[in-house]
């Protein structure tokens, strides 16, 4: 098992992913904090829209967190869903925001991987070209 993990140390692809995550760690941290805040706001919102129509399903804000997590991640298991007009409209907006929750970190990582790949290619080109120094 240890030998398998030693292979990862020498893999250029694994190293590139590590470099990409390190370069965007502040952005990812900020985005994760915003996502947790959005998760809580979503749970509060759906609770207030649906508590009167479905008191067994949306018993509390804590119980509504499950709905918020599945909706923001665009999974939507179907075990909790809105039945009121306000809840359905609110769900639509949360689903649209949920697409951004998936897309933003993906874009950050893709951009960081591209940047690291370009830097890696430029380092290889610099090391491959001989130093041409002219004598004066």
Foldseek 3Di string as FASTA:
>chain_A
DVVVVVVLVPDPVSVLLVQLCVVCVVVVVVLVVVLVVQLLVLLVQLLVVACVPCCPQNVDSVSSSVVSVCLLCVNCPPPDAHDDPSRVVSSVVSNVNSVVSVPVVVVSSVVSSVVSVVVVVVVVVVVPDDDDDDDD
